[in-house]
Amino acid sequence: MEENFDEEIDNIVTLNDEEGNEVKFEFLDLVELDDEEYVVLLPVTEEGEEDEGEVVILKVEDNDDEDSDEESYVGVEDEEILNKVFQIFKEKFKDEFDFIDEE
């Protein structure tokens, strides 16, 4: 009996960068830390492009518009917060991903 491992869930998120260009990411996880939410995203590369496997961590902010359900993702400058979020993510997915520690 052959198992089918091609059941990849479509978790692709398209965001706009500072220049207004669309950038695609694979949504990996939503992490809560100190009553704040952070998304862990993996940039989607084009076929044949080298993939370094570095994740992007962004803070989730609700828009002030009450009529909108949209969320905004903003960059995180605080290295301590980034490290804490990444450690939580690594612990949750230690059996699914091979993490390389850069020293």
N, C-alpha and C. Protein backbone atom coordinates (compact mmCIF):
# COMPACT_ATOMS: atom_id res chain seq x y z
N MET A 1 0.84 -1.17 0.00
CA MET A 1 0.00 0.00 0.00
C MET A 1 0.89 1.24 0.00
N GLU A 2 0.59 2.18 -0.88
CA GLU A 2 1.41 3.37 -1.02
C GLU A 2 0.70 4.56 -0.37
N GLU A 3 1.42 5.29 0.47
CA GLU A 3 0.85 6.46 1.10
C GLU A 3 1.14 7.69 0.26
N ASN A 4 0.20 8.59 0.22
CA ASN A 4 0.37 9.81 -0.55
C ASN A 4 0.79 10.95 0.37
N PHE A 5 2.03 11.44 0.17
CA PHE A 5 2.54 12.53 1.00
C PHE A 5 2.44 13.87 0.28
N ASP A 6 1.70 13.95 -0.81
CA ASP A 6 1.58 15.18 -1.57
C ASP A 6 0.39 16.02 -1.12
N GLU A 7 -0.11 15.79 0.07
CA GLU A 7 -1.27 16.52 0.57
C GLU A 7 -0.82 17.80 1.25
N GLU A 8 -0.13 18.67 0.51
CA GLU A 8 0.37 19.91 1.07
C GLU A 8 -0.77 20.93 1.16
N ILE A 9 -0.95 21.48 2.33
CA ILE A 9 -2.01 22.46 2.54
C ILE A 9 -1.53 23.81 2.00
N ASP A 10 -2.41 24.51 1.32
CA ASP A 10 -2.05 25.79 0.74
C ASP A 10 -2.10 26.88 1.80
N ASN A 11 -0.95 27.16 2.40
CA ASN A 11 -0.85 28.18 3.45
C ASN A 11 -0.05 29.37 2.96
N ILE A 12 -0.28 29.79 1.72
CA ILE A 12 0.50 30.87 1.14
C ILE A 12 -0.16 32.22 1.45
N VAL A 13 0.64 33.14 1.96
CA VAL A 13 0.20 34.49 2.30
C VAL A 13 0.96 35.45 1.39
N THR A 14 0.26 36.40 0.79
CA THR A 14 0.92 37.40 -0.04
C THR A 14 0.89 38.74 0.69
N LEU A 15 2.08 39.30 0.91
CA LEU A 15 2.22 40.58 1.59
C LEU A 15 2.88 41.58 0.66
N ASN A 16 2.72 42.86 0.96
CA ASN A 16 3.38 43.91 0.20
C ASN A 16 4.56 44.45 1.01
N ASP A 17 5.73 44.56 0.35
CA ASP A 17 6.89 45.10 1.03
C ASP A 17 6.87 46.63 1.01
N GLU A 18 7.96 47.25 1.49
CA GLU A 18 8.01 48.71 1.59
C GLU A 18 7.83 49.41 0.25
N GLU A 19 8.26 48.75 -0.84
CA GLU A 19 8.15 49.34 -2.18
C GLU A 19 6.83 48.99 -2.86
N GLY A 20 5.96 48.27 -2.17
CA GLY A 20 4.67 47.90 -2.75
C GLY A 20 4.71 46.62 -3.58
N ASN A 21 5.86 45.92 -3.57
CA ASN A 21 5.98 44.66 -4.31
C ASN A 21 5.31 43.53 -3.53
N GLU A 22 4.66 42.62 -4.26
CA GLU A 22 4.05 41.47 -3.61
C GLU A 22 5.10 40.41 -3.34
N VAL A 23 5.10 39.90 -2.10
CA VAL A 23 6.04 38.86 -1.70
C VAL A 23 5.21 37.74 -1.10
N LYS A 24 5.50 36.50 -1.53
CA LYS A 24 4.74 35.35 -1.04
C LYS A 24 5.51 34.64 0.07
N PHE A 25 4.75 34.23 1.09
CA PHE A 25 5.30 33.51 2.22
C PHE A 25 4.42 32.30 2.51
N GLU A 26 5.04 31.27 3.07
CA GLU A 26 4.28 30.14 3.59
C GLU A 26 4.06 30.40 5.07
N PHE A 27 2.80 30.37 5.49
CA PHE A 27 2.45 30.57 6.90
C PHE A 27 2.82 29.30 7.66
N LEU A 28 3.71 29.44 8.66
CA LEU A 28 4.14 28.28 9.44
C LEU A 28 3.45 28.18 10.78
N ASP A 29 3.27 29.33 11.46
CA ASP A 29 2.70 29.26 12.81
C ASP A 29 2.30 30.64 13.29
N LEU A 30 1.42 30.64 14.29
CA LEU A 30 1.03 31.84 15.02
C LEU A 30 1.47 31.62 16.46
N VAL A 31 2.32 32.51 16.96
CA VAL A 31 2.89 32.36 18.30
C VAL A 31 2.39 33.50 19.18
N GLU A 32 1.93 33.17 20.40
CA GLU A 32 1.53 34.18 21.37
C GLU A 32 2.64 34.38 22.38
N LEU A 33 2.92 35.66 22.65
CA LEU A 33 3.94 36.01 23.63
C LEU A 33 3.53 37.32 24.29
N ASP A 34 3.40 37.30 25.61
CA ASP A 34 3.06 38.51 26.37
C ASP A 34 1.83 39.23 25.81
N ASP A 35 0.76 38.49 25.59
CA ASP A 35 -0.51 39.01 25.09
C ASP A 35 -0.41 39.64 23.70
N GLU A 36 0.63 39.32 22.96
CA GLU A 36 0.79 39.77 21.58
C GLU A 36 0.86 38.53 20.70
N GLU A 37 0.49 38.69 19.42
CA GLU A 37 0.56 37.57 18.48
C GLU A 37 1.60 37.87 17.41
N TYR A 38 2.33 36.82 17.03
CA TYR A 38 3.37 36.94 16.02
C TYR A 38 3.19 35.81 15.02
N VAL A 39 3.39 36.12 13.73
CA VAL A 39 3.33 35.08 12.71
C VAL A 39 4.75 34.70 12.33
N VAL A 40 4.93 33.39 12.06
CA VAL A 40 6.20 32.88 11.58
C VAL A 40 5.98 32.47 10.14
N LEU A 41 6.72 33.13 9.24
CA LEU A 41 6.53 32.94 7.80
C LEU A 41 7.84 32.49 7.17
N LEU A 42 7.72 31.69 6.10
CA LEU A 42 8.87 31.26 5.33
C LEU A 42 8.73 31.81 3.92
N PRO A 43 9.71 32.61 3.46
CA PRO A 43 9.61 33.16 2.10
C PRO A 43 9.52 32.04 1.07
N VAL A 44 8.62 32.21 0.09
CA VAL A 44 8.46 31.24 -0.99
C VAL A 44 9.39 31.66 -2.11
N THR A 45 10.25 30.74 -2.54
CA THR A 45 11.20 31.06 -3.59
C THR A 45 10.73 30.51 -4.92
N GLU A 46 11.23 31.13 -5.98
CA GLU A 46 10.92 30.66 -7.33
C GLU A 46 11.66 29.35 -7.57
N GLU A 47 11.19 28.56 -8.53
CA GLU A 47 11.84 27.31 -8.89
C GLU A 47 13.31 27.56 -9.22
N GLY A 48 14.19 26.74 -8.66
CA GLY A 48 15.60 26.84 -8.96
C GLY A 48 16.35 27.88 -8.15
N GLU A 49 15.65 28.71 -7.42
CA GLU A 49 16.29 29.74 -6.61
C GLU A 49 16.78 29.12 -5.31
N GLU A 50 17.93 29.55 -4.84
CA GLU A 50 18.50 29.02 -3.60
C GLU A 50 17.64 29.43 -2.41
N ASP A 51 17.28 28.45 -1.57
CA ASP A 51 16.45 28.72 -0.40
C ASP A 51 17.29 28.54 0.84
N GLU A 52 17.47 29.61 1.62
CA GLU A 52 18.27 29.54 2.84
C GLU A 52 17.45 29.06 4.03
N GLY A 53 16.12 29.04 3.90
CA GLY A 53 15.28 28.53 4.96
C GLY A 53 15.14 29.44 6.16
N GLU A 54 15.45 30.72 6.01
CA GLU A 54 15.30 31.64 7.12
C GLU A 54 13.86 32.11 7.22
N VAL A 55 13.32 32.07 8.43
CA VAL A 55 11.94 32.48 8.63
C VAL A 55 11.87 33.98 8.90
N VAL A 56 10.68 34.52 8.70
CA VAL A 56 10.39 35.92 8.99
C VAL A 56 9.36 35.94 10.10
N ILE A 57 9.61 36.75 11.13
CA ILE A 57 8.68 36.88 12.25
C ILE A 57 8.12 38.29 12.24
N LEU A 58 6.79 38.39 12.18
CA LEU A 58 6.12 39.68 12.16
C LEU A 58 5.06 39.74 13.25
N LYS A 59 4.86 40.93 13.80
CA LYS A 59 3.84 41.13 14.83
C LYS A 59 2.49 41.36 14.16
N VAL A 60 1.45 40.75 14.71
CA VAL A 60 0.09 40.91 14.20
C VAL A 60 -0.54 42.11 14.89
N GLU A 61 -1.05 43.04 14.08
CA GLU A 61 -1.76 44.19 14.63
C GLU A 61 -3.13 44.27 13.98
N ASP A 62 -4.16 44.44 14.79
CA ASP A 62 -5.50 44.62 14.27
C ASP A 62 -5.63 46.03 13.73
N ASN A 63 -6.31 46.16 12.60
CA ASN A 63 -6.58 47.49 12.07
C ASN A 63 -7.58 48.20 12.96
N ASP A 64 -7.47 49.52 13.05
CA ASP A 64 -8.37 50.31 13.89
C ASP A 64 -9.77 50.40 13.30
N ASP A 65 -9.91 50.08 12.02
CA ASP A 65 -11.20 50.15 11.34
C ASP A 65 -12.10 49.03 11.86
N GLU A 66 -13.18 49.39 12.56
CA GLU A 66 -14.07 48.39 13.15
C GLU A 66 -14.80 47.55 12.12
N ASP A 67 -14.97 48.09 10.91
CA ASP A 67 -15.69 47.37 9.85
C ASP A 67 -14.79 46.36 9.13
N SER A 68 -13.52 46.38 9.40
CA SER A 68 -12.57 45.52 8.69
C SER A 68 -12.08 44.40 9.59
N ASP A 69 -12.02 43.20 9.03
CA ASP A 69 -11.47 42.05 9.76
C ASP A 69 -10.00 41.85 9.43
N GLU A 70 -9.43 42.73 8.61
CA GLU A 70 -8.06 42.56 8.17
C GLU A 70 -7.08 42.84 9.30
N GLU A 71 -5.94 42.15 9.22
CA GLU A 71 -4.86 42.36 10.17
C GLU A 71 -3.67 42.91 9.41
N SER A 72 -2.81 43.60 10.13
CA SER A 72 -1.56 44.09 9.55
C SER A 72 -0.42 43.34 10.22
N TYR A 73 0.63 43.10 9.45
CA TYR A 73 1.84 42.48 9.99
C TYR A 73 2.94 43.53 9.95
N VAL A 74 3.59 43.74 11.08
CA VAL A 74 4.65 44.74 11.15
C VAL A 74 5.94 44.09 11.63
N GLY A 75 7.04 44.65 11.17
CA GLY A 75 8.35 44.13 11.55
C GLY A 75 8.61 44.30 13.04
N VAL A 76 9.44 43.43 13.57
CA VAL A 76 9.81 43.46 14.99
C VAL A 76 11.28 43.84 15.08
N GLU A 77 11.57 44.93 15.79
CA GLU A 77 12.94 45.42 15.91
C GLU A 77 13.67 44.80 17.11
N ASP A 78 12.91 44.41 18.13
CA ASP A 78 13.47 43.93 19.39
C ASP A 78 14.02 42.51 19.23
N GLU A 79 15.35 42.37 19.29
CA GLU A 79 16.00 41.07 19.12
C GLU A 79 15.56 40.07 20.20
N GLU A 80 15.32 40.55 21.41
CA GLU A 80 14.91 39.67 22.50
C GLU A 80 13.55 39.04 22.21
N ILE A 81 12.62 39.85 21.70
CA ILE A 81 11.29 39.32 21.36
C ILE A 81 11.41 38.33 20.20
N LEU A 82 12.19 38.69 19.18
CA LEU A 82 12.38 37.77 18.04
C LEU A 82 12.94 36.43 18.51
N ASN A 83 13.93 36.47 19.40
CA ASN A 83 14.52 35.23 19.90
C ASN A 83 13.53 34.40 20.70
N LYS A 84 12.73 35.06 21.54
CA LYS A 84 11.73 34.33 22.33
C LYS A 84 10.69 33.67 21.44
N VAL A 85 10.19 34.42 20.44
CA VAL A 85 9.18 33.87 19.52
C VAL A 85 9.78 32.68 18.75
N PHE A 86 11.02 32.85 18.29
CA PHE A 86 11.65 31.77 17.52
C PHE A 86 11.89 30.54 18.40
N GLN A 87 12.25 30.72 19.66
CA GLN A 87 12.44 29.59 20.57
C GLN A 87 11.13 28.83 20.79
N ILE A 88 10.03 29.56 20.93
CA ILE A 88 8.72 28.91 21.08
C ILE A 88 8.40 28.11 19.82
N PHE A 89 8.62 28.73 18.67
CA PHE A 89 8.38 28.06 17.39
C PHE A 89 9.25 26.81 17.25
N LYS A 90 10.54 26.93 17.59
CA LYS A 90 11.44 25.77 17.48
C LYS A 90 10.99 24.62 18.37
N GLU A 91 10.55 24.94 19.57
CA GLU A 91 10.12 23.90 20.51
C GLU A 91 8.87 23.19 19.99
N LYS A 92 7.93 23.95 19.43
CA LYS A 92 6.69 23.36 18.91
C LYS A 92 6.94 22.45 17.70
N PHE A 93 7.94 22.81 16.89
CA PHE A 93 8.15 22.10 15.63
C PHE A 93 9.49 21.36 15.58
N LYS A 94 10.05 21.03 16.74
CA LYS A 94 11.36 20.39 16.77
C LYS A 94 11.39 19.04 16.05
N ASP A 95 10.25 18.37 15.96
CA ASP A 95 10.19 17.07 15.29
C ASP A 95 9.85 17.19 13.80
N GLU A 96 9.48 18.38 13.34
CA GLU A 96 9.07 18.55 11.95
C GLU A 96 10.12 19.25 11.09
N PHE A 97 10.98 20.07 11.71
CA PHE A 97 11.99 20.83 10.97
C PHE A 97 13.37 20.52 11.53
N ASP A 98 14.37 20.62 10.68
CA ASP A 98 15.75 20.54 11.11
C ASP A 98 16.28 21.96 11.28
N PHE A 99 16.48 22.38 12.52
CA PHE A 99 16.94 23.73 12.79
C PHE A 99 18.45 23.75 12.87
N ILE A 100 19.04 24.78 12.27
CA ILE A 100 20.49 24.96 12.31
C ILE A 100 20.76 26.17 13.16
N ASP A 101 21.50 25.98 14.25
CA ASP A 101 21.83 27.10 15.12
C ASP A 101 23.05 27.80 14.56
N GLU A 102 22.91 29.12 14.33
CA GLU A 102 24.04 29.92 13.87
C GLU A 102 24.69 30.57 15.07
N GLU A 103 25.91 30.26 15.27
CA GLU A 103 26.65 30.80 16.43
C GLU A 103 27.60 31.87 15.96
